[in-house]
Amino acid sequence: MQNQLVWKSNETKMSDSHLAYLSLGSNIQPEVNLVRAVELLKRNGLIEKISNVWESKSVGADGPNYLNACVAYRTLLAQSALKEQVLLPIEKELGRKRTENKFAPRTMDIDIVIFDDHLVDDRYWQQPFVVIPLAEIHPDFENPITHESIPATATRLRKEIWMETRQGISSQLRGNQSAV
């Protein structure tokens, strides 16, 4: 009987959870801030997958190069609660200061790209620094604009921009994942 109760309890937890694909980016101490953001995310959910870390040039303004990664994140929170109760506080804890310039350098930017297999914003499909890491951890998702697979979109975008993986940081993030 106790095993049945444990199973029912786990079943309830799993059915109440949500899977969010998050994009993380930083160009102020990114080697430190990406690792720290992953640690902080684990306080409120489960990281199921982590992409490679990709370096790209700053978009929209002069500034240091960005490091970006995507994570598959299991949470009990609804989309708005996830943003308000977890993501924005993590950005703030890591020193993010929001300004009128949306392209200003930042310690951390965390966006919900996909929530329960629903795209949050169409603009992400034009951003290689989101699509390329996302393709590594969610290759079966279809680009809702072009109806091509995410890996096909990533391959196309990869030809248009300079990006390269940063294996040392990728290994740190994955090592961090194994502690989950």
Protein backbone atom coordinates (compact mmCIF):
# COMPACT_ATOMS: atom_id res chain seq x y z
CA MET A 1 0.00 0.00 0.00
CA GLN A 2 2.82 2.43 0.86
CA ASN A 3 4.46 1.86 -2.56
CA GLN A 4 1.15 2.74 -4.21
CA LEU A 5 1.00 5.98 -2.21
CA VAL A 6 4.56 6.89 -3.21
CA TRP A 7 3.80 6.15 -6.86
CA LYS A 8 0.59 8.23 -6.74
CA SER A 9 2.50 11.06 -5.07
CA ASN A 10 5.18 11.00 -7.79
CA GLU A 11 2.53 10.78 -10.50
CA THR A 12 0.82 13.90 -9.14
CA LYS A 13 4.10 15.81 -9.02
CA MET A 14 4.98 14.87 -12.61
CA SER A 15 1.53 15.72 -13.99
CA ASP A 16 1.61 19.12 -12.27
CA SER A 17 5.04 20.05 -13.61
CA HIS A 18 5.88 22.11 -16.67
CA LEU A 19 8.80 21.88 -19.06
CA ALA A 20 10.35 25.21 -19.99
CA TYR A 21 13.20 25.78 -22.41
CA LEU A 22 15.21 28.74 -21.17
CA SER A 23 17.78 30.85 -22.98
CA LEU A 24 20.59 32.19 -20.77
CA GLY A 25 22.95 34.92 -21.93
CA SER A 26 25.63 37.12 -20.43
CA ASN A 27 28.40 39.44 -21.59
CA ILE A 28 29.55 40.72 -18.19
CA GLN A 29 31.65 38.04 -16.48
CA PRO A 30 29.76 35.41 -18.49
CA GLU A 31 31.97 32.50 -17.45
CA VAL A 32 30.98 33.11 -13.82
CA ASN A 33 27.39 34.24 -14.34
CA LEU A 34 26.26 31.34 -16.56
CA VAL A 35 27.51 28.79 -14.05
CA ARG A 36 25.95 30.70 -11.16
CA ALA A 37 22.60 31.05 -12.99
CA VAL A 38 22.42 27.28 -13.46
CA GLU A 39 23.15 26.78 -9.75
CA LEU A 40 20.38 29.24 -8.83
CA LEU A 41 17.87 27.65 -11.21
CA LYS A 42 18.32 24.33 -9.42
CA ARG A 43 16.90 25.86 -6.23
CA ASN A 44 13.41 25.95 -7.76
CA GLY A 45 13.32 23.21 -10.38
CA LEU A 46 15.14 20.45 -12.20
CA ILE A 47 17.54 21.00 -15.07
CA GLU A 48 17.00 18.11 -17.47
CA LYS A 49 19.32 19.14 -20.32
CA ILE A 50 21.97 21.76 -20.97
CA SER A 51 23.23 22.84 -24.39
CA ASN A 52 26.77 23.77 -25.24
CA VAL A 53 27.79 27.32 -24.41
CA TRP A 54 28.06 29.45 -27.54
CA GLU A 55 30.03 32.66 -27.95
CA SER A 56 28.75 35.34 -30.33
CA LYS A 57 29.29 39.02 -30.97
CA SER A 58 27.10 41.55 -29.17
CA VAL A 59 23.94 42.38 -31.15
CA GLY A 60 22.49 45.89 -31.36
CA ALA A 61 25.34 47.70 -29.58
CA ASP A 62 29.07 47.66 -29.10
CA GLY A 63 30.06 45.51 -26.17
CA PRO A 64 31.85 42.37 -25.13
CA ASN A 65 30.94 39.07 -26.78
CA TYR A 66 28.03 37.14 -25.31
CA LEU A 67 28.00 33.61 -24.01
CA ASN A 68 24.65 31.85 -24.46
CA ALA A 69 23.21 28.47 -23.56
CA CYS A 70 19.79 26.84 -23.34
CA VAL A 71 18.45 24.57 -20.62
CA ALA A 72 15.43 22.29 -20.39
CA TYR A 73 13.95 23.16 -17.01
CA ARG A 74 11.25 21.23 -15.14
CA THR A 75 9.19 23.37 -12.76
CA LEU A 76 5.97 23.27 -10.78
CA LEU A 77 5.39 26.97 -11.51
CA ALA A 78 3.17 28.41 -14.23
CA GLN A 79 4.90 30.47 -16.92
CA SER A 80 4.23 33.90 -15.37
CA ALA A 81 5.16 32.69 -11.87
CA LEU A 82 8.39 31.16 -13.22
CA LYS A 83 9.37 34.50 -14.71
CA GLU A 84 8.37 36.62 -11.70
CA GLN A 85 9.43 34.30 -8.86
CA VAL A 86 12.53 32.64 -10.29
CA LEU A 87 14.02 34.19 -13.43
CA LEU A 88 13.80 37.90 -12.62
CA PRO A 89 15.12 37.38 -9.06
CA ILE A 90 18.07 35.36 -10.45
CA GLU A 91 18.88 38.13 -12.92
CA LYS A 92 18.71 40.66 -10.08
CA GLU A 93 20.85 38.50 -7.74
CA LEU A 94 23.49 38.29 -10.46
CA GLY A 95 23.56 42.08 -10.78
CA ARG A 96 21.32 42.71 -13.79
CA LYS A 97 20.39 46.37 -14.08
CA ARG A 98 17.63 47.10 -16.57
CA THR A 99 18.02 50.29 -18.59
CA GLU A 100 16.20 51.91 -21.49
CA ASN A 101 18.85 50.43 -23.80
CA LYS A 102 17.66 46.86 -24.34
CA PHE A 103 21.01 46.03 -25.96
CA ALA A 104 23.14 47.20 -23.03
CA PRO A 105 25.68 44.72 -21.66
CA ARG A 106 24.25 42.51 -18.91
CA THR A 107 25.33 40.11 -16.23
CA MET A 108 22.44 37.75 -16.99
CA ASP A 109 19.42 37.55 -19.25
CA ILE A 110 17.08 34.57 -18.89
CA ASP A 111 14.17 34.17 -21.31
CA ILE A 112 11.49 31.53 -21.53
CA VAL A 113 11.61 30.40 -25.15
CA ILE A 114 9.22 27.43 -25.04
CA PHE A 115 6.81 26.55 -22.25
CA ASP A 116 4.99 23.19 -22.35
CA ASP A 117 5.81 22.94 -26.06
CA HIS A 118 4.31 26.35 -26.84
CA LEU A 119 6.55 29.04 -28.31
CA VAL A 120 6.57 32.14 -26.12
CA ASP A 121 7.64 34.72 -28.75
CA ASP A 122 8.19 34.51 -32.53
CA ARG A 123 11.26 36.76 -32.35
CA TYR A 124 13.37 33.90 -30.99
CA TRP A 125 13.38 32.17 -34.38
CA GLN A 126 15.45 35.02 -35.81
CA GLN A 127 18.06 34.87 -33.05
CA PRO A 128 20.89 32.41 -33.75
CA PHE A 129 22.15 32.69 -30.15
CA VAL A 130 18.81 31.19 -29.04
CA VAL A 131 18.05 28.73 -31.87
CA ILE A 132 21.49 27.12 -32.16
CA PRO A 133 21.77 26.04 -28.49
CA LEU A 134 18.05 25.17 -28.42
CA ALA A 135 18.50 22.80 -31.37
CA GLU A 136 20.95 20.76 -29.29
CA ILE A 137 18.47 20.04 -26.51
CA HIS A 138 15.08 20.07 -28.31
CA PRO A 139 15.75 18.86 -31.88
CA ASP A 140 12.23 17.49 -32.40
CA PHE A 141 10.51 20.86 -32.04
CA GLU A 142 9.30 22.45 -35.28
CA ASN A 143 9.96 26.06 -36.18
CA PRO A 144 6.39 27.43 -36.23
CA ILE A 145 7.24 30.10 -38.81
CA THR A 146 9.07 28.04 -41.47
CA HIS A 147 7.84 24.59 -40.37
CA GLU A 148 11.38 23.27 -40.57
CA SER A 149 13.02 21.40 -37.71
CA ILE A 150 14.98 23.42 -35.19
CA PRO A 151 18.25 21.79 -36.35
CA ALA A 152 17.47 22.92 -39.94
CA THR A 153 16.79 26.47 -38.72
CA ALA A 154 19.98 26.38 -36.64
CA THR A 155 22.04 25.21 -39.62
CA ARG A 156 20.64 28.01 -41.78
CA LEU A 157 21.25 30.67 -39.12
CA ARG A 158 24.72 29.31 -38.33
CA LYS A 159 25.77 30.20 -41.89
CA GLU A 160 24.78 33.83 -41.32
CA ILE A 161 26.67 34.62 -38.11
CA TRP A 162 29.92 33.91 -36.30
CA MET A 163 29.39 31.69 -33.29
CA GLU A 164 31.62 29.11 -31.67
CA THR A 165 31.28 26.74 -28.76
CA ARG A 166 33.15 27.32 -25.53
CA GLN A 167 33.89 23.78 -24.38
CA GLY A 168 35.41 24.71 -21.03
CA ILE A 169 32.29 26.54 -19.89
CA SER A 170 30.06 23.88 -21.46
CA SER A 171 31.83 21.25 -19.37
CA GLN A 172 31.40 23.35 -16.22
CA LEU A 173 27.66 23.67 -16.83
CA ARG A 174 27.28 19.96 -17.55
CA GLY A 175 29.31 19.12 -14.46
CA ASN A 176 26.91 21.34 -12.57
CA GLN A 177 24.01 19.42 -14.10
CA SER A 178 25.28 16.08 -12.80
CA ALA A 179 24.97 17.46 -9.28
CA VAL A 180 21.20 17.78 -9.77
